[in-house]
Protein backbone atom coordinates (compact mmCIF):
# COMPACT_ATOMS: atom_id res chain seq x y z
CA MET A 1 -13.24 -80.90 -68.86
CA LYS A 2 -15.87 -80.06 -66.25
CA GLU A 3 -16.26 -76.46 -65.15
CA CYS A 4 -14.67 -75.45 -61.87
CA THR A 5 -15.17 -72.37 -59.76
CA HIS A 6 -12.20 -72.20 -57.43
CA VAL A 7 -8.53 -73.09 -57.44
CA ARG A 8 -7.81 -72.61 -53.77
CA ALA A 9 -4.30 -73.93 -53.51
CA ALA A 10 -1.16 -73.23 -55.47
CA GLY A 11 1.95 -74.56 -53.77
CA SER A 12 3.91 -71.33 -54.16
CA ALA A 13 3.77 -67.62 -53.41
CA SER A 14 5.72 -66.79 -56.59
CA ALA A 15 3.90 -64.17 -58.67
CA ALA A 16 5.04 -65.81 -61.91
CA LYS A 17 3.74 -69.21 -60.85
CA LEU A 18 0.42 -67.84 -59.59
CA ASP A 19 -0.04 -65.93 -62.86
CA ALA A 20 0.70 -69.14 -64.76
CA VAL A 21 -1.93 -71.05 -62.80
CA ARG A 22 -4.51 -68.30 -63.35
CA ALA A 23 -3.81 -68.19 -67.08
CA ALA A 24 -3.97 -71.96 -67.47
CA PHE A 25 -7.23 -72.37 -65.57
CA ALA A 26 -8.81 -69.37 -67.29
CA ALA A 27 -8.03 -71.00 -70.65
CA ALA A 28 -9.34 -74.39 -69.52
CA PHE A 29 -12.49 -73.03 -67.81
CA PRO A 30 -13.40 -69.81 -69.66
CA ARG A 31 -16.85 -69.51 -68.04
CA ALA A 32 -15.71 -70.21 -64.49
CA ALA A 33 -15.34 -67.63 -61.73
CA LEU A 34 -11.80 -68.47 -60.71
CA ARG A 35 -10.16 -67.77 -57.40
CA VAL A 36 -6.50 -68.71 -57.00
CA ALA A 37 -4.91 -68.56 -53.56
CA ALA A 38 -1.26 -69.01 -52.63
CA ARG A 39 -0.60 -71.86 -50.24
CA PRO A 40 3.21 -72.06 -49.92
CA ALA A 41 4.22 -75.68 -49.36
CA ALA A 42 7.54 -77.44 -48.87
CA SER A 43 8.91 -79.27 -51.89
CA GLY A 44 10.69 -81.97 -49.88
CA VAL A 45 13.58 -81.81 -52.34
CA ARG A 46 16.76 -79.75 -52.61
CA ALA A 47 16.48 -75.98 -53.05
CA GLN A 48 17.83 -76.54 -56.56
CA PRO A 49 16.52 -79.88 -57.84
CA PHE A 50 18.41 -81.80 -60.51
CA GLY A 51 16.87 -84.32 -62.89
CA ASP A 52 13.31 -85.20 -63.79
CA ALA A 53 12.62 -87.52 -60.86
CA GLU A 54 13.60 -85.06 -58.13
CA THR A 55 11.90 -82.12 -59.82
CA ARG A 56 8.68 -84.04 -60.44
CA ARG A 57 8.68 -85.20 -56.81
CA GLY A 58 9.00 -81.58 -55.70
CA ALA A 59 5.97 -80.55 -57.76
CA VAL A 60 3.87 -83.42 -56.37
CA ASN A 61 4.90 -82.63 -52.79
CA ARG A 62 4.02 -78.97 -53.24
CA ALA A 63 0.59 -79.80 -54.68
CA ARG A 64 -0.23 -82.21 -51.86
CA GLY A 65 1.13 -79.86 -49.21
CA ALA A 66 -0.87 -76.94 -50.59
CA LEU A 67 -4.00 -79.09 -50.66
CA ARG A 68 -3.52 -80.13 -47.03
CA GLU A 69 -3.21 -76.49 -45.96
CA ALA A 70 -6.26 -75.47 -47.98
CA VAL A 71 -8.42 -78.29 -46.61
CA LEU A 72 -7.46 -77.38 -43.05
CA ALA A 73 -8.19 -73.71 -43.76
CA ALA A 74 -11.61 -74.68 -45.11
CA ALA A 75 -12.36 -76.55 -41.89
CA ALA A 76 -11.26 -73.53 -39.85
CA ALA A 77 -13.56 -71.29 -41.90
CA ALA A 78 -16.47 -73.66 -41.30
CA ASP A 79 -15.84 -73.41 -37.57
CA GLY A 80 -15.91 -69.63 -37.75
CA GLY A 81 -12.16 -69.12 -37.68
CA GLY A 82 -9.59 -68.21 -40.28
CA ASP A 83 -9.20 -65.29 -42.61
CA PRO A 84 -11.99 -65.08 -45.23
CA GLU A 85 -9.54 -63.56 -47.70
CA THR A 86 -7.28 -66.61 -47.55
CA THR A 87 -9.88 -69.29 -46.80
CA GLY A 88 -12.18 -67.96 -49.49
CA GLY A 89 -15.06 -66.68 -47.38
CA GLY A 90 -18.62 -67.26 -48.44
CA GLY A 91 -19.11 -70.27 -46.18
CA ALA A 92 -17.56 -73.68 -45.79
CA ALA A 93 -18.57 -75.06 -49.16
CA ALA A 94 -16.95 -72.17 -51.01
CA ALA A 95 -13.72 -72.69 -49.11
CA VAL A 96 -13.17 -76.27 -50.23
CA PRO A 97 -10.46 -76.24 -52.93
CA HIS A 98 -11.41 -77.78 -56.23
CA TYR A 99 -7.81 -78.12 -57.38
CA ALA A 100 -4.29 -77.86 -56.00
CA VAL A 101 -1.26 -77.11 -58.14
CA GLY A 102 2.44 -77.66 -57.53
CA LEU A 103 5.15 -76.19 -59.77
CA GLU A 104 8.84 -77.05 -59.49
CA GLY A 105 11.74 -75.88 -61.62
CA GLY A 106 14.72 -78.14 -62.19
CA LEU A 107 18.00 -78.56 -64.03
CA HIS A 108 19.90 -81.32 -65.75
CA VAL A 109 23.29 -81.50 -67.44
CA GLU A 110 23.80 -83.36 -70.72
CA ASP A 111 27.00 -83.40 -72.78
CA GLY A 112 28.37 -80.59 -70.66
CA VAL A 113 25.38 -78.29 -71.20
CA MET A 114 22.96 -77.34 -68.41
CA TYR A 115 19.26 -77.28 -69.28
CA CYS A 116 16.37 -75.72 -67.38
CA PHE A 117 12.81 -77.11 -67.22
CA ALA A 118 9.90 -77.45 -64.79
CA TRP A 119 7.32 -80.01 -63.70
CA MET A 120 3.66 -79.32 -62.88
CA ALA A 121 1.31 -81.40 -60.73
CA VAL A 122 -2.44 -80.72 -60.59
CA LEU A 123 -4.69 -82.47 -58.04
CA ARG A 124 -8.49 -82.53 -58.24
CA TRP A 125 -10.28 -82.43 -54.90
CA GLY A 126 -13.58 -80.58 -54.39
CA GLY A 127 -16.26 -79.67 -56.89
CA GLU A 128 -17.81 -81.91 -59.51
CA GLY A 129 -15.72 -85.02 -59.99
CA GLY A 130 -13.70 -84.38 -56.84
CA ARG A 131 -13.82 -85.90 -53.42
CA GLY A 132 -13.20 -83.07 -50.97
CA GLY A 133 -16.69 -81.63 -50.64
CA ALA A 134 -17.94 -84.55 -48.56
CA GLN A 135 -14.89 -84.61 -46.28
CA LEU A 136 -14.53 -81.03 -45.08
CA GLY A 137 -11.43 -80.84 -42.90
CA SER A 138 -10.46 -84.46 -43.55
CA LEU A 139 -7.04 -85.11 -45.02
CA GLN A 140 -7.94 -88.70 -45.83
CA GLY A 141 -7.51 -89.48 -49.50
CA ILE A 142 -5.13 -86.66 -50.41
CA GLU A 143 -2.40 -89.14 -51.36
CA ASP A 144 -4.85 -90.82 -53.75
CA ALA A 145 -6.43 -87.68 -55.22
CA PRO A 146 -6.61 -87.71 -59.04
CA MET A 147 -3.41 -86.17 -60.43
CA GLY A 148 -2.26 -84.81 -63.76
CA LEU A 149 1.44 -84.28 -64.48
CA SER A 150 3.25 -82.41 -67.21
CA ARG A 151 6.69 -81.00 -67.98
CA THR A 152 7.75 -77.87 -69.81
CA GLY A 153 10.23 -77.87 -72.63
CA SER A 154 13.92 -77.36 -71.86
CA PHE A 155 16.29 -74.54 -72.72
CA ALA A 156 20.04 -74.22 -72.38
CA VAL A 157 21.33 -72.20 -69.44
CA PRO A 158 24.05 -69.69 -70.45
CA PRO A 159 27.52 -70.90 -69.37
CA ARG A 160 28.14 -67.92 -67.08
CA VAL A 161 25.01 -68.81 -65.12
CA SER A 162 25.49 -72.58 -65.11
CA ALA A 163 29.05 -72.16 -63.84
CA ARG A 164 27.79 -70.36 -60.73
CA VAL A 165 25.24 -73.12 -60.12
CA LEU A 166 27.74 -75.95 -60.54
CA ASN A 167 30.83 -74.34 -59.01
CA ASP A 168 29.32 -72.16 -56.29
CA GLY A 169 26.18 -74.12 -55.47
CA GLU A 170 23.87 -71.18 -56.16
CA GLU A 171 20.20 -71.58 -57.03
CA LEU A 172 19.47 -70.76 -60.65
CA GLY A 173 17.50 -67.60 -59.87
CA HIS A 174 20.26 -66.20 -57.66
CA ALA A 175 22.91 -67.06 -60.22
CA CYS A 176 20.86 -65.34 -62.90
CA ASP A 177 20.57 -62.19 -60.79
CA ALA A 178 24.31 -62.20 -60.09
CA VAL A 179 25.22 -62.50 -63.78
CA TYR A 180 22.63 -60.18 -65.32
CA GLY A 181 21.91 -57.85 -62.39
CA THR A 182 18.21 -57.83 -63.20
CA GLY A 183 16.79 -58.92 -59.85
CA ASP A 184 14.22 -60.88 -61.86
CA GLY A 185 15.70 -64.36 -61.79
CA LYS A 186 12.67 -65.63 -59.89
CA GLY A 187 10.28 -62.97 -61.15
CA ARG A 188 7.76 -62.96 -63.97
CA GLY A 189 10.41 -62.80 -66.69
CA GLY A 190 13.00 -65.14 -65.23
CA LEU A 191 15.99 -66.54 -67.07
CA VAL A 192 13.80 -67.77 -69.91
CA GLY A 193 12.70 -64.19 -70.47
CA ILE A 194 16.32 -63.07 -70.67
CA VAL A 195 17.49 -65.74 -73.11
CA THR A 196 14.41 -65.29 -75.36
CA HIS A 197 14.53 -61.48 -75.14
CA GLY A 198 11.06 -61.44 -73.63
CA ALA A 199 9.42 -63.67 -76.23
CA ILE A 200 8.75 -66.28 -73.52
CA THR A 201 8.30 -65.23 -69.91
CA ARG A 202 8.55 -67.41 -66.85
CA THR A 203 4.77 -67.18 -66.57
CA SER A 204 4.07 -68.31 -70.14
CA PHE A 205 6.77 -70.99 -69.87
CA TYR A 206 4.88 -72.55 -66.94
CA SER A 207 1.33 -71.88 -68.09
CA HIS A 208 1.17 -74.26 -71.06
CA ALA A 209 2.49 -77.10 -68.90
CA VAL A 210 -0.17 -76.44 -66.24
CA GLN A 211 -2.78 -76.71 -69.01
CA LEU A 212 -1.28 -80.03 -70.13
CA ALA A 213 -1.29 -81.33 -66.55
CA LEU A 214 -4.98 -80.40 -66.31
CA ALA A 215 -5.64 -82.23 -69.56
CA GLY A 216 -3.93 -85.31 -68.13
CA LEU A 217 -6.22 -85.62 -65.11
CA PRO A 218 -7.93 -89.02 -65.06
């Protein structure tokens, strides 16, 4: 893998997801000076996706949406506008995102058991091997940007939680909070942290898959 300096777009403001992106890129580029910025982006799928296809589509949409926002922010910074803390500061070249990442959690039901998993999408844009540096502010080519995809493993959702999702239409994180009263269903620990007694956190659950998506970039 080539070294990168900046990850300017992660399609979420979730602390667990941002931590996962930081950890994955730090492992992949140990000598790089990383900067990860949240660029919340719409998934274009249901609030609680079901199945691989819908969940993967949500991750791809978030990555592309985050990249669009970051590219536009870079153009605004070059024109003297924008917030240097969110656009990256340090001039136009520094503000061009090298990568954009989308993370989307999903569910599927098999033989009466609900399973939880997540898809990751990583796009390469600016920097060495990317295409964004020569097209500051241009959104052309985002749909064709090199992409790596990966999926986490799956784990069974406890029946008390899955019943609330299936019967009451709740999102997994909200159902988890209602059952366990932790308030951490969408936090750093998440449901995976509860069922593994902290051995695997939501952050570590996502991080290895982000690394695999990076490894899969063409």
